[in-house]
Amino acid sequence: MKRMWMLAAALALVMAGPGCSKKVDTLRSAGDEEAMGVQKDSGMMTEDLVEEPVQPEMAMAPEPAPAPAASMQADVAMGVASRLQDIHFDFDKAVIRDPDKPILLANADLLKSNPSVNVTVEGHCDERGTTAYNLALGERRANATRRYLIALGVAPSQVATVSYGEERPLCTQSDESCWSRNRRAHVTAAR
């Protein structure tokens, strides 16, 4: 629209200008001047109409705004997940222990204040027991943790579960202090 006004004004100036001959120079600069010839007359510049190709309506439409950065959302999720704490379980149990309830309350508050962040509760076991048994036990631990978070007000769609059984230990020594660290529910950002 701005071009049309400029072209109309230029045409009016050319028509109203003096009848003497004018030299036409074509400028090659950014902007509208590239499509127009510029006339010089006694140090005064006026524009001379040069036909422009008609561009389709679609080409004149503004570009759509970029979508929100997915990496920014991922950074928020990772920041929230890094502040969530693990809970631990007794041997061969999937029951939330009393000392772990305040930890889950803090985790639930953090998740409720960040409803766009989705997390995965990972169930883990120590090395004792068969692989199949530990996968099932890890699943029970992850589900118990998920149910507790939901009971505290976290949206069910915000929390998924997975069991790793004994496959991802934190500690690899074969003693009770190490085994107790591996019997856990770990909350991480959903992928």
Protein backbone atom coordinates (compact mmCIF):
# COMPACT_ATOMS: atom_id res chain seq x y z
CA MET A 1 0.00 0.00 0.00
CA LYS A 2 2.87 2.34 0.82
CA ARG A 3 4.40 1.69 -2.61
CA MET A 4 1.21 2.67 -4.37
CA TRP A 5 1.10 6.03 -2.53
CA MET A 6 4.74 6.64 -3.32
CA LEU A 7 4.21 5.74 -6.98
CA ALA A 8 1.13 7.99 -7.23
CA ALA A 9 3.04 10.88 -5.64
CA ALA A 10 5.98 10.31 -7.97
CA LEU A 11 3.73 10.25 -10.99
CA ALA A 12 2.09 13.49 -9.89
CA LEU A 13 5.49 15.16 -9.45
CA VAL A 14 6.64 14.02 -12.88
CA MET A 15 3.48 15.31 -14.55
CA ALA A 16 3.63 18.66 -12.75
CA GLY A 17 7.37 19.15 -13.21
CA PRO A 18 9.05 21.51 -15.74
CA GLY A 19 9.17 20.52 -19.39
CA CYS A 20 12.95 20.38 -19.71
CA SER A 21 14.71 17.13 -20.43
CA LYS A 22 15.80 15.04 -17.49
CA LYS A 23 18.45 12.40 -17.09
CA VAL A 24 17.25 9.13 -15.52
CA ASP A 25 19.62 7.24 -13.18
CA THR A 26 18.62 3.90 -11.72
CA LEU A 27 19.61 3.38 -8.09
CA ARG A 28 20.51 -0.07 -6.78
CA SER A 29 19.87 0.15 -3.06
CA ALA A 30 17.69 -1.64 -0.56
CA GLY A 31 14.05 -0.77 -0.29
CA ASP A 32 11.64 0.66 -2.83
CA GLU A 33 14.27 2.54 -4.86
CA GLU A 34 15.37 -0.69 -6.54
CA ALA A 35 12.15 -0.93 -8.49
CA MET A 36 12.06 2.79 -9.44
CA GLY A 37 14.17 5.10 -11.57
CA VAL A 38 15.22 8.35 -9.87
CA GLN A 39 15.40 11.60 -11.83
CA LYS A 40 17.75 14.42 -10.97
CA ASP A 41 16.71 17.96 -11.77
CA SER A 42 18.71 20.90 -10.43
CA GLY A 43 19.78 18.93 -7.37
CA MET A 44 16.17 18.02 -6.59
CA MET A 45 15.29 14.32 -6.78
CA THR A 46 11.93 13.09 -8.05
CA GLU A 47 10.82 9.56 -8.77
CA ASP A 48 9.92 8.30 -12.21
CA LEU A 49 7.43 5.43 -12.46
CA VAL A 50 8.90 2.11 -13.55
CA GLU A 51 6.48 -0.75 -14.02
CA GLU A 52 6.68 -3.38 -11.30
CA PRO A 53 5.57 -6.92 -11.79
CA VAL A 54 2.32 -7.64 -9.99
CA GLN A 55 2.90 -9.94 -7.07
CA PRO A 56 0.28 -12.40 -5.87
CA GLU A 57 -1.68 -11.55 -2.72
CA MET A 58 -0.01 -14.40 -0.83
CA ALA A 59 3.43 -12.87 -1.26
CA MET A 60 2.29 -9.69 0.48
CA ALA A 61 0.92 -11.50 3.55
CA PRO A 62 3.00 -11.13 6.72
CA GLU A 63 5.05 -14.10 7.80
CA PRO A 64 3.49 -16.16 10.58
CA ALA A 65 4.94 -15.74 14.04
CA PRO A 66 7.43 -18.45 14.93
CA ALA A 67 6.13 -21.26 17.12
CA PRO A 68 7.22 -21.23 20.77
CA ALA A 69 10.62 -22.81 21.09
CA ALA A 70 10.36 -26.44 22.06
CA SER A 71 13.84 -26.30 23.48
CA MET A 72 12.74 -23.61 25.91
CA GLN A 73 9.96 -25.89 27.21
CA ALA A 74 12.45 -28.75 27.47
CA ASP A 75 14.77 -26.54 29.51
CA VAL A 76 11.93 -25.70 31.91
CA ALA A 77 11.05 -29.39 32.25
CA MET A 78 14.67 -30.33 32.91
CA GLY A 79 14.95 -27.55 35.51
CA VAL A 80 11.84 -28.78 37.33
CA ALA A 81 12.92 -32.44 37.11
CA SER A 82 16.35 -31.62 38.53
CA ARG A 83 14.66 -30.27 41.67
CA LEU A 84 12.53 -33.38 42.22
CA GLN A 85 13.88 -35.83 44.77
CA ASP A 86 14.00 -39.63 44.76
CA ILE A 87 12.25 -41.74 47.34
CA HIS A 88 13.43 -45.13 48.57
CA PHE A 89 11.76 -48.42 49.44
CA ASP A 90 12.31 -51.25 51.87
CA PHE A 91 13.55 -54.62 50.58
CA ASP A 92 10.93 -56.37 48.43
CA LYS A 93 8.33 -53.63 49.12
CA ALA A 94 6.45 -51.07 47.04
CA VAL A 95 4.92 -49.15 49.96
CA ILE A 96 5.64 -45.42 50.42
CA ARG A 97 7.59 -45.03 53.66
CA ASP A 98 6.73 -42.29 56.18
CA PRO A 99 10.12 -40.51 55.78
CA ASP A 100 9.47 -40.24 52.02
CA LYS A 101 6.01 -38.64 52.27
CA PRO A 102 7.34 -35.06 52.81
CA ILE A 103 9.61 -35.55 49.79
CA LEU A 104 6.62 -36.53 47.65
CA LEU A 105 4.63 -33.59 49.03
CA ALA A 106 7.40 -31.19 47.91
CA ASN A 107 7.59 -32.97 44.53
CA ALA A 108 3.80 -32.66 44.12
CA ASP A 109 3.86 -28.93 44.96
CA LEU A 110 6.56 -28.36 42.35
CA LEU A 111 4.65 -30.30 39.70
CA LYS A 112 1.36 -28.55 40.49
CA SER A 113 3.05 -25.16 40.13
CA ASN A 114 4.39 -26.28 36.70
CA PRO A 115 1.39 -28.00 35.07
CA SER A 116 2.98 -27.97 31.59
CA VAL A 117 5.87 -30.16 32.79
CA ASN A 118 5.36 -33.88 32.27
CA VAL A 119 7.48 -36.36 34.22
CA THR A 120 8.21 -40.06 34.27
CA VAL A 121 8.52 -41.99 37.53
CA GLU A 122 11.18 -44.68 37.14
CA GLY A 123 10.92 -47.75 39.37
CA HIS A 124 14.29 -49.27 40.36
CA CYS A 125 15.37 -52.32 42.39
CA ASP A 126 18.54 -53.76 43.82
CA GLU A 127 20.29 -56.69 42.15
CA ARG A 128 18.70 -59.42 44.27
CA GLY A 129 15.89 -61.37 42.59
CA THR A 130 15.32 -62.39 39.00
CA THR A 131 15.18 -59.87 36.18
CA ALA A 132 11.46 -60.51 35.62
CA TYR A 133 10.66 -60.20 39.33
CA ASN A 134 12.62 -56.95 39.65
CA LEU A 135 10.92 -55.45 36.58
CA ALA A 136 7.52 -56.20 38.15
CA LEU A 137 8.64 -54.82 41.53
CA GLY A 138 10.01 -51.68 39.88
CA GLU A 139 6.67 -51.21 38.13
CA ARG A 140 4.79 -51.52 41.44
CA ARG A 141 7.13 -48.92 42.99
CA ALA A 142 6.69 -46.49 40.11
CA ASN A 143 2.90 -46.91 40.18
CA ALA A 144 2.73 -46.46 43.97
CA THR A 145 4.70 -43.22 43.61
CA ARG A 146 2.47 -42.02 40.76
CA ARG A 147 -0.72 -42.78 42.72
CA TYR A 148 0.61 -40.88 45.72
CA LEU A 149 1.48 -37.82 43.60
CA ILE A 150 -2.00 -37.89 42.02
CA ALA A 151 -3.59 -38.15 45.48
CA LEU A 152 -1.66 -34.97 46.37
CA GLY A 153 -3.25 -33.13 43.42
CA VAL A 154 -0.88 -33.68 40.49
CA ALA A 155 -2.72 -34.17 37.19
CA PRO A 156 -2.71 -37.84 36.12
CA SER A 157 -1.75 -36.83 32.57
CA GLN A 158 1.37 -35.17 33.96
CA VAL A 159 2.91 -38.39 35.37
CA ALA A 160 3.93 -41.53 33.46
CA THR A 161 5.74 -44.59 34.80
CA VAL A 162 8.43 -47.00 33.67
CA SER A 163 10.27 -49.86 35.38
CA TYR A 164 13.96 -50.49 34.97
CA GLY A 165 14.16 -53.20 37.62
CA GLU A 166 17.83 -53.79 38.43
CA GLU A 167 19.09 -52.53 35.05
CA ARG A 168 20.14 -48.98 36.08
CA PRO A 169 21.75 -49.15 39.52
CA LEU A 170 23.18 -46.07 41.23
CA CYS A 171 25.64 -48.22 43.13
CA THR A 172 27.21 -51.50 42.02
CA GLN A 173 28.61 -52.89 45.26
CA SER A 174 26.97 -55.97 46.75
CA ASP A 175 26.10 -54.72 50.24
CA GLU A 176 23.04 -53.30 52.02
CA SER A 177 24.16 -49.65 51.91
CA CYS A 178 24.42 -49.90 48.13
CA TRP A 179 21.25 -51.97 47.68
CA SER A 180 19.21 -49.47 49.71
CA ARG A 181 20.25 -46.66 47.35
CA ASN A 182 19.14 -48.70 44.33
CA ARG A 183 15.63 -49.44 45.71
CA ARG A 184 14.10 -46.16 44.58
CA ALA A 185 11.59 -44.24 42.53
CA HIS A 186 13.33 -41.61 40.44
CA VAL A 187 11.36 -38.77 38.82
CA THR A 188 12.71 -37.36 35.56
CA ALA A 189 11.46 -35.11 32.78
CA ALA A 190 9.31 -37.03 30.28
CA ARG A 191 10.90 -37.51 26.87
